[in-house]
Amino acid sequence: MPLAQFLRHEGVPVVLVNPLHVKRSKELDDNSPTKNDVKDARVIAQLMKDGRYSEPQIPQGIYAELRVGMNIREQLSKDLLQVKGRIHNWLDRYFPEFLTVFKDWEGKAAQSTLRHFPLPEDIVQRDAEGIVQVWRVEVKRAVGIKKALQSIVFMN
């Protein structure tokens, strides 16, 4: 894309030749599937001379920025899925009881628990009141003594 933008800025027309057409045309010329740069350049030049190319739509201005933004968003979405997979893997290995106590590991109480008590042994060492006190700092509602007792029972 940067090369195409530069060439367009310099007034050089940018065209695109389909690689499959290059391969097929090369085989037609000398009936040999061998590949080398000199041969490819000759075949591409012949295709361009014959008008067998397309002119790509290269976005400019806000559309170019939108394309970059979409690519970044797509990459971040893939990265997020990888991280979520790693967390599920870690929970399955070291804390399999966790998802029986909490419906979703992304909730406030669940994340607070993982932050302060990353392993089951950390919960077992605390009493229910101590766990609730830690939760109350970050989570204002929906956690109480009942959930703390449930987590202690499942960890034992």
N, C-alpha and C. Protein backbone atom coordinates (compact mmCIF):
# COMPACT_ATOMS: atom_id res chain seq x y z
N MET A 1 0.81 -1.20 0.00
CA MET A 1 0.00 0.00 0.00
C MET A 1 0.86 1.27 0.00
N PRO A 2 1.93 1.34 0.82
CA PRO A 2 2.74 2.55 0.77
C PRO A 2 3.37 2.78 -0.61
N LEU A 3 3.81 1.71 -1.27
CA LEU A 3 4.38 1.85 -2.60
C LEU A 3 3.33 2.35 -3.59
N ALA A 4 2.13 1.79 -3.52
CA ALA A 4 1.05 2.22 -4.42
C ALA A 4 0.70 3.69 -4.18
N GLN A 5 0.65 4.09 -2.91
CA GLN A 5 0.35 5.50 -2.59
C GLN A 5 1.45 6.41 -3.14
N PHE A 6 2.71 6.00 -2.99
CA PHE A 6 3.82 6.79 -3.48
C PHE A 6 3.75 6.92 -5.00
N LEU A 7 3.55 5.82 -5.70
CA LEU A 7 3.48 5.85 -7.16
C LEU A 7 2.32 6.72 -7.64
N ARG A 8 1.18 6.59 -6.99
CA ARG A 8 0.03 7.41 -7.38
C ARG A 8 0.34 8.89 -7.16
N HIS A 9 1.01 9.21 -6.05
CA HIS A 9 1.38 10.61 -5.76
C HIS A 9 2.34 11.15 -6.81
N GLU A 10 3.21 10.29 -7.34
CA GLU A 10 4.18 10.68 -8.36
C GLU A 10 3.59 10.68 -9.77
N GLY A 11 2.33 10.28 -9.90
CA GLY A 11 1.68 10.29 -11.21
C GLY A 11 1.89 9.03 -12.02
N VAL A 12 2.40 7.98 -11.41
CA VAL A 12 2.63 6.71 -12.10
C VAL A 12 1.37 5.85 -11.92
N PRO A 13 0.78 5.39 -13.04
CA PRO A 13 -0.42 4.55 -12.89
C PRO A 13 -0.07 3.22 -12.24
N VAL A 14 -0.94 2.76 -11.37
CA VAL A 14 -0.74 1.50 -10.65
C VAL A 14 -1.76 0.50 -11.18
N VAL A 15 -1.27 -0.67 -11.61
CA VAL A 15 -2.16 -1.72 -12.09
C VAL A 15 -1.82 -3.01 -11.37
N LEU A 16 -2.73 -3.96 -11.46
CA LEU A 16 -2.58 -5.23 -10.76
C LEU A 16 -2.77 -6.36 -11.76
N VAL A 17 -1.83 -7.30 -11.77
CA VAL A 17 -1.92 -8.47 -12.65
C VAL A 17 -2.17 -9.68 -11.76
N ASN A 18 -3.17 -10.45 -12.11
CA ASN A 18 -3.55 -11.63 -11.34
C ASN A 18 -2.42 -12.68 -11.41
N PRO A 19 -1.91 -13.15 -10.27
CA PRO A 19 -0.82 -14.15 -10.28
C PRO A 19 -1.20 -15.44 -11.00
N LEU A 20 -2.47 -15.82 -10.94
CA LEU A 20 -2.90 -17.02 -11.63
C LEU A 20 -2.79 -16.84 -13.15
N HIS A 21 -3.11 -15.63 -13.63
CA HIS A 21 -2.96 -15.35 -15.07
C HIS A 21 -1.50 -15.42 -15.47
N VAL A 22 -0.62 -14.93 -14.61
CA VAL A 22 0.82 -14.99 -14.90
C VAL A 22 1.25 -16.44 -15.04
N LYS A 23 0.82 -17.28 -14.12
CA LYS A 23 1.21 -18.69 -14.15
C LYS A 23 0.70 -19.38 -15.41
N ARG A 24 -0.56 -19.16 -15.73
CA ARG A 24 -1.15 -19.81 -16.90
C ARG A 24 -0.51 -19.30 -18.20
N SER A 25 -0.28 -18.00 -18.28
CA SER A 25 0.33 -17.43 -19.49
C SER A 25 1.76 -17.93 -19.66
N LYS A 26 2.47 -18.09 -18.58
CA LYS A 26 3.85 -18.56 -18.62
C LYS A 26 3.90 -19.98 -19.19
N GLU A 27 2.97 -20.81 -18.75
CA GLU A 27 2.93 -22.19 -19.24
C GLU A 27 2.54 -22.24 -20.71
N LEU A 28 1.72 -21.30 -21.17
CA LEU A 28 1.32 -21.26 -22.58
C LEU A 28 2.49 -20.87 -23.48
N ASP A 29 3.33 -19.95 -23.00
CA ASP A 29 4.43 -19.45 -23.83
C ASP A 29 5.45 -20.51 -24.17
N ASP A 30 5.93 -21.23 -23.17
CA ASP A 30 7.02 -22.19 -23.47
C ASP A 30 6.72 -23.60 -22.99
N ASN A 31 5.47 -23.84 -22.57
CA ASN A 31 5.04 -25.17 -22.15
C ASN A 31 5.92 -25.72 -21.02
N SER A 32 6.42 -24.82 -20.18
CA SER A 32 7.27 -25.23 -19.08
C SER A 32 6.80 -24.53 -17.80
N PRO A 33 6.61 -25.30 -16.73
CA PRO A 33 6.15 -24.68 -15.48
C PRO A 33 7.27 -24.06 -14.65
N THR A 34 8.50 -24.02 -15.17
CA THR A 34 9.60 -23.47 -14.39
C THR A 34 9.35 -22.01 -14.08
N LYS A 35 9.96 -21.57 -13.00
CA LYS A 35 9.71 -20.20 -12.54
C LYS A 35 11.04 -19.52 -12.32
N ASN A 36 11.18 -18.30 -12.88
CA ASN A 36 12.31 -17.46 -12.53
C ASN A 36 11.90 -16.00 -12.73
N ASP A 37 12.64 -15.09 -12.14
CA ASP A 37 12.24 -13.68 -12.12
C ASP A 37 12.23 -13.06 -13.51
N VAL A 38 13.17 -13.43 -14.36
CA VAL A 38 13.23 -12.85 -15.70
C VAL A 38 12.01 -13.27 -16.50
N LYS A 39 11.67 -14.53 -16.40
CA LYS A 39 10.51 -15.06 -17.12
C LYS A 39 9.22 -14.42 -16.61
N ASP A 40 9.09 -14.30 -15.28
CA ASP A 40 7.90 -13.68 -14.69
C ASP A 40 7.76 -12.23 -15.15
N ALA A 41 8.86 -11.49 -15.15
CA ALA A 41 8.81 -10.09 -15.57
C ALA A 41 8.36 -9.96 -17.02
N ARG A 42 8.86 -10.84 -17.87
CA ARG A 42 8.49 -10.81 -19.29
C ARG A 42 7.00 -11.11 -19.45
N VAL A 43 6.50 -12.12 -18.73
CA VAL A 43 5.08 -12.49 -18.83
C VAL A 43 4.20 -11.37 -18.28
N ILE A 44 4.58 -10.75 -17.18
CA ILE A 44 3.79 -9.65 -16.61
C ILE A 44 3.76 -8.47 -17.57
N ALA A 45 4.89 -8.17 -18.17
CA ALA A 45 4.94 -7.07 -19.14
C ALA A 45 4.04 -7.36 -20.34
N GLN A 46 4.04 -8.59 -20.80
CA GLN A 46 3.19 -8.98 -21.94
C GLN A 46 1.71 -8.84 -21.58
N LEU A 47 1.35 -9.29 -20.37
CA LEU A 47 -0.04 -9.18 -19.93
C LEU A 47 -0.46 -7.71 -19.83
N MET A 48 0.43 -6.87 -19.33
CA MET A 48 0.11 -5.44 -19.23
C MET A 48 -0.03 -4.83 -20.62
N LYS A 49 0.84 -5.22 -21.54
CA LYS A 49 0.78 -4.69 -22.90
C LYS A 49 -0.54 -5.08 -23.57
N ASP A 50 -1.01 -6.32 -23.28
CA ASP A 50 -2.25 -6.81 -23.85
C ASP A 50 -3.48 -6.24 -23.14
N GLY A 51 -3.28 -5.50 -22.05
CA GLY A 51 -4.40 -4.92 -21.31
C GLY A 51 -5.09 -5.89 -20.38
N ARG A 52 -4.40 -6.95 -20.00
CA ARG A 52 -4.98 -7.97 -19.10
C ARG A 52 -4.58 -7.68 -17.65
N TYR A 53 -5.09 -6.62 -17.13
CA TYR A 53 -4.79 -6.20 -15.76
C TYR A 53 -6.02 -5.50 -15.21
N SER A 54 -5.98 -5.23 -13.93
CA SER A 54 -7.05 -4.46 -13.29
C SER A 54 -6.43 -3.28 -12.57
N GLU A 55 -7.24 -2.25 -12.40
CA GLU A 55 -6.78 -1.07 -11.67
C GLU A 55 -7.37 -1.13 -10.27
N PRO A 56 -6.51 -1.30 -9.26
CA PRO A 56 -7.03 -1.45 -7.89
C PRO A 56 -7.61 -0.14 -7.35
N GLN A 57 -8.59 -0.28 -6.51
CA GLN A 57 -9.16 0.87 -5.81
C GLN A 57 -8.34 1.10 -4.54
N ILE A 58 -7.53 2.11 -4.54
CA ILE A 58 -6.70 2.42 -3.38
C ILE A 58 -7.38 3.53 -2.61
N PRO A 59 -7.83 3.24 -1.39
CA PRO A 59 -8.55 4.27 -0.63
C PRO A 59 -7.66 5.46 -0.30
N GLN A 60 -8.28 6.62 -0.26
CA GLN A 60 -7.55 7.84 0.06
C GLN A 60 -8.31 8.61 1.13
N GLY A 61 -7.59 9.44 1.84
CA GLY A 61 -8.21 10.31 2.84
C GLY A 61 -8.83 9.52 3.98
N ILE A 62 -10.08 9.86 4.30
CA ILE A 62 -10.76 9.24 5.43
C ILE A 62 -10.97 7.75 5.21
N TYR A 63 -11.13 7.34 3.94
CA TYR A 63 -11.35 5.92 3.65
C TYR A 63 -10.09 5.10 3.92
N ALA A 64 -8.93 5.67 3.67
CA ALA A 64 -7.68 4.99 3.99
C ALA A 64 -7.54 4.85 5.51
N GLU A 65 -7.90 5.88 6.23
CA GLU A 65 -7.83 5.82 7.69
C GLU A 65 -8.82 4.80 8.24
N LEU A 66 -10.01 4.73 7.64
CA LEU A 66 -10.99 3.73 8.07
C LEU A 66 -10.48 2.31 7.83
N ARG A 67 -9.82 2.10 6.71
CA ARG A 67 -9.26 0.78 6.41
C ARG A 67 -8.21 0.41 7.44
N VAL A 68 -7.34 1.34 7.79
CA VAL A 68 -6.32 1.08 8.80
C VAL A 68 -6.98 0.78 10.15
N GLY A 69 -8.00 1.57 10.49
CA GLY A 69 -8.71 1.34 11.75
C GLY A 69 -9.38 -0.02 11.80
N MET A 70 -9.97 -0.43 10.69
CA MET A 70 -10.62 -1.75 10.63
C MET A 70 -9.59 -2.86 10.80
N ASN A 71 -8.42 -2.70 10.17
CA ASN A 71 -7.36 -3.72 10.31
C ASN A 71 -6.87 -3.81 11.75
N ILE A 72 -6.71 -2.66 12.39
CA ILE A 72 -6.27 -2.65 13.79
C ILE A 72 -7.31 -3.30 14.69
N ARG A 73 -8.59 -2.97 14.44
CA ARG A 73 -9.67 -3.55 15.24
C ARG A 73 -9.71 -5.07 15.08
N GLU A 74 -9.55 -5.55 13.86
CA GLU A 74 -9.54 -6.99 13.60
C GLU A 74 -8.40 -7.67 14.35
N GLN A 75 -7.22 -7.06 14.33
CA GLN A 75 -6.07 -7.63 15.03
C GLN A 75 -6.29 -7.64 16.54
N LEU A 76 -6.85 -6.55 17.07
CA LEU A 76 -7.13 -6.49 18.50
C LEU A 76 -8.17 -7.53 18.91
N SER A 77 -9.16 -7.77 18.05
CA SER A 77 -10.17 -8.79 18.34
C SER A 77 -9.54 -10.17 18.41
N LYS A 78 -8.63 -10.46 17.48
CA LYS A 78 -7.93 -11.75 17.51
C LYS A 78 -7.08 -11.87 18.78
N ASP A 79 -6.38 -10.80 19.14
CA ASP A 79 -5.55 -10.82 20.35
C ASP A 79 -6.41 -11.04 21.59
N LEU A 80 -7.58 -10.40 21.63
CA LEU A 80 -8.48 -10.55 22.78
C LEU A 80 -8.95 -12.00 22.90
N LEU A 81 -9.28 -12.62 21.78
CA LEU A 81 -9.70 -14.02 21.82
C LEU A 81 -8.57 -14.92 22.31
N GLN A 82 -7.33 -14.63 21.92
CA GLN A 82 -6.19 -15.41 22.41
C GLN A 82 -6.04 -15.28 23.92
N VAL A 83 -6.16 -14.07 24.41
CA VAL A 83 -6.01 -13.85 25.86
C VAL A 83 -7.13 -14.55 26.62
N LYS A 84 -8.36 -14.46 26.12
CA LYS A 84 -9.47 -15.14 26.78
C LYS A 84 -9.25 -16.65 26.79
N GLY A 85 -8.72 -17.18 25.69
CA GLY A 85 -8.41 -18.61 25.64
C GLY A 85 -7.35 -19.00 26.65
N ARG A 86 -6.35 -18.15 26.81
CA ARG A 86 -5.30 -18.43 27.79
C ARG A 86 -5.86 -18.42 29.22
N ILE A 87 -6.76 -17.48 29.49
CA ILE A 87 -7.36 -17.41 30.83
C ILE A 87 -8.19 -18.66 31.09
N HIS A 88 -8.99 -19.08 30.10
CA HIS A 88 -9.78 -20.30 30.28
C HIS A 88 -8.87 -21.51 30.49
N ASN A 89 -7.78 -21.57 29.77
CA ASN A 89 -6.82 -22.66 29.93
C ASN A 89 -6.25 -22.65 31.34
N TRP A 90 -5.87 -21.46 31.82
CA TRP A 90 -5.31 -21.35 33.17
C TRP A 90 -6.34 -21.77 34.22
N LEU A 91 -7.58 -21.30 34.05
CA LEU A 91 -8.63 -21.67 35.01
C LEU A 91 -8.88 -23.17 35.00
N ASP A 92 -8.90 -23.78 33.82
CA ASP A 92 -9.13 -25.22 33.74
C ASP A 92 -8.02 -26.02 34.42
N ARG A 93 -6.79 -25.53 34.32
CA ARG A 93 -5.66 -26.25 34.91
C ARG A 93 -5.55 -26.07 36.42
N TYR A 94 -5.61 -24.81 36.87
CA TYR A 94 -5.27 -24.51 38.26
C TYR A 94 -6.46 -24.18 39.15
N PHE A 95 -7.60 -23.89 38.55
CA PHE A 95 -8.73 -23.42 39.34
C PHE A 95 -10.03 -23.94 38.73
N PRO A 96 -10.16 -25.26 38.53
CA PRO A 96 -11.32 -25.80 37.82
C PRO A 96 -12.67 -25.54 38.51
N GLU A 97 -12.65 -25.32 39.82
CA GLU A 97 -13.89 -25.09 40.56
C GLU A 97 -14.41 -23.66 40.37
N PHE A 98 -13.58 -22.80 39.85
CA PHE A 98 -13.90 -21.38 39.78
C PHE A 98 -15.20 -21.11 39.04
N LEU A 99 -15.39 -21.76 37.90
CA LEU A 99 -16.58 -21.49 37.08
C LEU A 99 -17.84 -22.14 37.63
N THR A 100 -17.71 -22.98 38.66
CA THR A 100 -18.92 -23.48 39.32
C THR A 100 -19.43 -22.46 40.33
N VAL A 101 -18.53 -21.63 40.85
CA VAL A 101 -18.93 -20.60 41.81
C VAL A 101 -19.37 -19.34 41.07
N PHE A 102 -18.61 -18.94 40.06
CA PHE A 102 -18.91 -17.74 39.28
C PHE A 102 -19.38 -18.15 37.89
N LYS A 103 -20.46 -17.53 37.42
CA LYS A 103 -20.97 -17.86 36.09
C LYS A 103 -19.98 -17.45 35.01
N ASP A 104 -19.38 -16.27 35.19
CA ASP A 104 -18.51 -15.71 34.16
C ASP A 104 -17.27 -15.14 34.83
N TRP A 105 -16.10 -15.47 34.32
CA TRP A 105 -14.85 -14.98 34.91
C TRP A 105 -14.64 -13.50 34.65
N GLU A 106 -15.42 -12.88 33.77
CA GLU A 106 -15.24 -11.47 33.44
C GLU A 106 -16.02 -10.53 34.36
N GLY A 107 -16.82 -11.08 35.27
CA GLY A 107 -17.58 -10.24 36.19
C GLY A 107 -16.67 -9.57 37.22
N LYS A 108 -17.20 -8.54 37.88
CA LYS A 108 -16.39 -7.79 38.85
C LYS A 108 -15.94 -8.65 40.01
N ALA A 109 -16.87 -9.42 40.57
CA ALA A 109 -16.52 -10.26 41.73
C ALA A 109 -15.53 -11.34 41.32
N ALA A 110 -15.73 -11.93 40.15
CA ALA A 110 -14.83 -12.98 39.69
C ALA A 110 -13.42 -12.43 39.46
N GLN A 111 -13.33 -11.27 38.84
CA GLN A 111 -12.01 -10.69 38.61
C GLN A 111 -11.35 -10.25 39.90
N SER A 112 -12.14 -9.75 40.83
CA SER A 112 -11.57 -9.39 42.14
C SER A 112 -11.02 -10.64 42.83
N THR A 113 -11.76 -11.74 42.72
CA THR A 113 -11.30 -12.99 43.32
C THR A 113 -9.99 -13.45 42.68
N LEU A 114 -9.93 -13.39 41.36
CA LEU A 114 -8.71 -13.82 40.69
C LEU A 114 -7.53 -12.91 41.02
N ARG A 115 -7.82 -11.64 41.22
CA ARG A 115 -6.75 -10.69 41.53
C ARG A 115 -6.19 -10.94 42.94
N HIS A 116 -7.07 -11.19 43.90
CA HIS A 116 -6.64 -11.32 45.30
C HIS A 116 -6.40 -12.76 45.73
N PHE A 117 -7.09 -13.70 45.09
CA PHE A 117 -6.94 -15.12 45.43
C PHE A 117 -6.74 -15.92 44.15
N PRO A 118 -5.56 -15.86 43.55
CA PRO A 118 -5.36 -16.49 42.24
C PRO A 118 -5.38 -18.02 42.25
N LEU A 119 -5.23 -18.63 43.40
CA LEU A 119 -5.24 -20.10 43.49
C LEU A 119 -6.25 -20.55 44.53
N PRO A 120 -6.77 -21.76 44.42
CA PRO A 120 -7.74 -22.25 45.40
C PRO A 120 -7.20 -22.24 46.83
N GLU A 121 -5.89 -22.47 46.98
CA GLU A 121 -5.31 -22.48 48.33
C GLU A 121 -5.46 -21.12 49.01
N ASP A 122 -5.43 -20.06 48.23
CA ASP A 122 -5.55 -18.71 48.79
C ASP A 122 -6.94 -18.49 49.39
N ILE A 123 -7.96 -19.08 48.79
CA ILE A 123 -9.33 -18.94 49.32
C ILE A 123 -9.51 -19.80 50.55
N VAL A 124 -8.97 -21.01 50.52
CA VAL A 124 -9.12 -21.92 51.65
C VAL A 124 -8.48 -21.35 52.91
N GLN A 125 -7.41 -20.58 52.76
CA GLN A 125 -6.72 -20.01 53.92
C GLN A 125 -7.50 -18.87 54.57
N ARG A 126 -8.47 -18.29 53.87
CA ARG A 126 -9.25 -17.17 54.41
C ARG A 126 -10.59 -17.67 54.91
N ASP A 127 -11.18 -16.91 55.81
CA ASP A 127 -12.54 -17.22 56.22
C ASP A 127 -13.50 -16.42 55.33
N ALA A 128 -14.78 -16.73 55.43
CA ALA A 128 -15.79 -16.11 54.56
C ALA A 128 -15.84 -14.60 54.74
N GLU A 129 -15.72 -14.14 55.98
CA GLU A 129 -15.76 -12.69 56.25
C GLU A 129 -14.60 -11.97 55.58
N GLY A 130 -13.42 -12.58 55.60
CA GLY A 130 -12.24 -11.97 54.97
C GLY A 130 -12.41 -11.86 53.47
N ILE A 131 -13.00 -12.87 52.87
CA ILE A 131 -13.25 -12.85 51.43
C ILE A 131 -14.25 -11.75 51.08
N VAL A 132 -15.32 -11.67 51.85
CA VAL A 132 -16.34 -10.65 51.59
C VAL A 132 -15.76 -9.24 51.75
N GLN A 133 -14.89 -9.03 52.72
CA GLN A 133 -14.27 -7.72 52.90
C GLN A 133 -13.43 -7.33 51.67
N VAL A 134 -12.71 -8.28 51.12
CA VAL A 134 -11.92 -8.01 49.90
C VAL A 134 -12.85 -7.66 48.75
N TRP A 135 -13.94 -8.41 48.61
CA TRP A 135 -14.89 -8.15 47.51
C TRP A 135 -15.54 -6.78 47.65
N ARG A 136 -15.91 -6.40 48.87
CA ARG A 136 -16.65 -5.15 49.10
C ARG A 136 -15.87 -3.91 48.66
N VAL A 137 -14.55 -4.00 48.64
CA VAL A 137 -13.73 -2.87 48.22
C VAL A 137 -13.98 -2.55 46.74
N GLU A 138 -14.12 -3.59 45.92
CA GLU A 138 -14.25 -3.39 44.47
C GLU A 138 -15.68 -3.60 43.95
N VAL A 139 -16.45 -4.44 44.63
CA VAL A 139 -17.80 -4.78 44.16
C VAL A 139 -18.80 -4.31 45.20
N LYS A 140 -19.78 -3.54 44.76
CA LYS A 140 -20.73 -2.95 45.71
C LYS A 140 -21.93 -3.84 46.00
N ARG A 141 -22.31 -4.69 45.04
CA ARG A 141 -23.49 -5.51 45.29
C ARG A 141 -23.32 -6.89 44.66
N ALA A 142 -24.23 -7.79 44.95
CA ALA A 142 -24.30 -9.13 44.39
C ALA A 142 -23.21 -10.07 44.91
N VAL A 143 -22.48 -9.67 45.94
CA VAL A 143 -21.55 -10.59 46.59
C VAL A 143 -21.79 -10.51 48.08
N GLY A 144 -21.76 -11.66 48.70
CA GLY A 144 -21.99 -11.67 50.13
C GLY A 144 -21.43 -12.93 50.75
N ILE A 145 -21.84 -13.15 51.97
CA ILE A 145 -21.33 -14.26 52.76
C ILE A 145 -21.69 -15.60 52.13
N LYS A 146 -22.86 -15.66 51.50
CA LYS A 146 -23.31 -16.91 50.87
C LYS A 146 -22.37 -17.33 49.73
N LYS A 147 -22.02 -16.39 48.88
CA LYS A 147 -21.11 -16.66 47.76
C LYS A 147 -19.71 -17.02 48.29
N ALA A 148 -19.27 -16.35 49.33
CA ALA A 148 -17.96 -16.65 49.92
C ALA A 148 -17.93 -18.06 50.50
N LEU A 149 -18.98 -18.43 51.22
CA LEU A 149 -19.05 -19.79 51.77
C LEU A 149 -19.09 -20.83 50.65
N GLN A 150 -19.82 -20.52 49.59
CA GLN A 150 -19.89 -21.42 48.44
C GLN A 150 -18.50 -21.61 47.83
N SER A 151 -17.74 -20.53 47.70
CA SER A 151 -16.41 -20.65 47.11
C SER A 151 -15.48 -21.45 48.01
N ILE A 152 -15.59 -21.27 49.32
CA ILE A 152 -14.74 -22.04 50.25
C ILE A 152 -15.08 -23.53 50.19
N VAL A 153 -16.38 -23.84 50.12
CA VAL A 153 -16.81 -25.25 50.07
C VAL A 153 -16.29 -25.90 48.79
N PHE A 154 -16.42 -25.22 47.65
CA PHE A 154 -15.98 -25.80 46.38
C PHE A 154 -14.47 -25.96 46.32
N MET A 155 -13.72 -25.10 47.01
CA MET A 155 -12.27 -25.17 46.96
C MET A 155 -11.71 -26.28 47.84
N ASN A 156 -12.49 -26.68 48.83
CA ASN A 156 -12.04 -27.76 49.72
C ASN A 156 -12.28 -29.04 49.01
